């Protein structure tokens, strides 16, 4: 599920896994180790689209070094 808030979108673990073609376990691992920043509301984790974009920009930048 994704939720639009202002100009950003919040993605839950299942939607992120679907979009990125990985398992929910992988997304939870990234959140748990702090590699991917998110917020837990109730029993669900959410990641903002802007944070996801930064995650990929950081990954790309760190591989260029």
C-alpha atoms as a PDB file:
ATOM      1  CA  UNK A   1       0.000   0.000   0.000  1.00  0.00           C
ATOM      2  CA  UNK A   2       1.146   3.524  -0.651  1.00  0.00           C
ATOM      3  CA  UNK A   3      -0.223   6.738   0.798  1.00  0.00           C
ATOM      4  CA  UNK A   4       0.174  10.194  -0.747  1.00  0.00           C
ATOM      5  CA  UNK A   5       1.079  12.946   1.740  1.00  0.00           C
ATOM      6  CA  UNK A   6       1.608  16.423   0.325  1.00  0.00           C
ATOM      7  CA  UNK A   7       4.142  15.989  -2.488  1.00  0.00           C
ATOM      8  CA  UNK A   8       5.573  12.700  -1.196  1.00  0.00           C
ATOM      9  CA  UNK A   9       4.361   9.111  -1.079  1.00  0.00           C
ATOM     10  CA  UNK A  10       4.752   6.679   1.818  1.00  0.00           C
ATOM     11  CA  UNK A  11       5.324   3.041   0.893  1.00  0.00           C
ATOM     12  CA  UNK A  12       4.811   0.081   3.193  1.00  0.00           C
ATOM     13  CA  UNK A  13       7.073  -2.973   3.158  1.00  0.00           C
ATOM     14  CA  UNK A  14       4.886  -5.067   0.860  1.00  0.00           C
ATOM     15  CA  UNK A  15       4.560  -2.293  -1.747  1.00  0.00           C
ATOM     16  CA  UNK A  16       8.311  -1.559  -1.671  1.00  0.00           C
ATOM     17  CA  UNK A  17       9.093  -5.240  -2.130  1.00  0.00           C
ATOM     18  CA  UNK A  18       6.701  -5.416  -5.081  1.00  0.00           C
ATOM     19  CA  UNK A  19       8.082  -2.270  -6.731  1.00  0.00           C
ATOM     20  CA  UNK A  20      11.738  -3.217  -6.254  1.00  0.00           C
ATOM     21  CA  UNK A  21      11.339  -6.915  -7.043  1.00  0.00           C
ATOM     22  CA  UNK A  22      12.785  -8.130  -3.735  1.00  0.00           C
ATOM     23  CA  UNK A  23      11.300  -9.951  -0.787  1.00  0.00           C
ATOM     24  CA  UNK A  24       9.640  -8.296   2.160  1.00  0.00           C
ATOM     25  CA  UNK A  25      12.345  -9.902   4.287  1.00  0.00           C
ATOM     26  CA  UNK A  26      14.995  -7.942   2.354  1.00  0.00           C
ATOM     27  CA  UNK A  27      13.168  -4.649   2.925  1.00  0.00           C
ATOM     28  CA  UNK A  28      12.780  -5.421   6.637  1.00  0.00           C
ATOM     29  CA  UNK A  29      16.484  -6.269   6.858  1.00  0.00           C
ATOM     30  CA  UNK A  30      17.467  -2.926   5.277  1.00  0.00           C
ATOM     31  CA  UNK A  31      15.155  -1.092   7.679  1.00  0.00           C
ATOM     32  CA  UNK A  32      16.413  -3.063  10.671  1.00  0.00           C
ATOM     33  CA  UNK A  33      20.076  -2.392   9.977  1.00  0.00           C
ATOM     34  CA  UNK A  34      19.369   1.278   9.275  1.00  0.00           C
ATOM     35  CA  UNK A  35      20.508   1.184   5.648  1.00  0.00           C
ATOM     36  CA  UNK A  36      17.050   2.293   4.583  1.00  0.00           C
ATOM     37  CA  UNK A  37      15.391   4.939   6.759  1.00  0.00           C
ATOM     38  CA  UNK A  38      11.754   4.474   7.643  1.00  0.00           C
ATOM     39  CA  UNK A  39       9.208   4.984  10.385  1.00  0.00           C
ATOM     40  CA  UNK A  40       7.143   2.380  12.140  1.00  0.00           C
ATOM     41  CA  UNK A  41       3.524   3.344  12.743  1.00  0.00           C
ATOM     42  CA  UNK A  42       1.645   0.703  14.660  1.00  0.00           C
ATOM     43  CA  UNK A  43       2.794  -2.614  13.232  1.00  0.00           C
ATOM     44  CA  UNK A  44       3.775  -1.300   9.787  1.00  0.00           C
ATOM     45  CA  UNK A  45       6.960   0.271   8.473  1.00  0.00           C
ATOM     46  CA  UNK A  46       6.731   3.128   5.978  1.00  0.00           C
ATOM     47  CA  UNK A  47       9.388   4.655   3.765  1.00  0.00           C
ATOM     48  CA  UNK A  48       8.922   8.012   2.060  1.00  0.00           C
ATOM     49  CA  UNK A  49       9.540   8.154  -1.671  1.00  0.00           C
ATOM     50  CA  UNK A  50      12.037  10.982  -1.151  1.00  0.00           C
ATOM     51  CA  UNK A  51      14.010   8.806   1.301  1.00  0.00           C
ATOM     52  CA  UNK A  52      13.999   5.908  -1.156  1.00  0.00           C
ATOM     53  CA  UNK A  53      15.363   8.186  -3.868  1.00  0.00           C
ATOM     54  CA  UNK A  54      18.162   9.362  -1.534  1.00  0.00           C
ATOM     55  CA  UNK A  55      18.969   5.732  -0.698  1.00  0.00           C
ATOM     56  CA  UNK A  56      19.595   4.960  -4.359  1.00  0.00           C
ATOM     57  CA  UNK A  57      21.542   8.164  -4.916  1.00  0.00           C
ATOM     58  CA  UNK A  58      23.818   7.297  -1.958  1.00  0.00           C
ATOM     59  CA  UNK A  59      24.311   3.764  -3.256  1.00  0.00           C
ATOM     60  CA  UNK A  60      25.267   5.088  -6.685  1.00  0.00           C
ATOM     61  CA  UNK A  61      27.614   7.714  -5.251  1.00  0.00           C
ATOM     62  CA  UNK A  62      29.382   5.257  -2.918  1.00  0.00           C
ATOM     63  CA  UNK A  63      30.021   2.825  -5.798  1.00  0.00           C
ATOM     64  CA  UNK A  64      31.644   5.534  -7.926  1.00  0.00           C
ATOM     65  CA  UNK A  65      34.411   6.144  -5.373  1.00  0.00           C
END
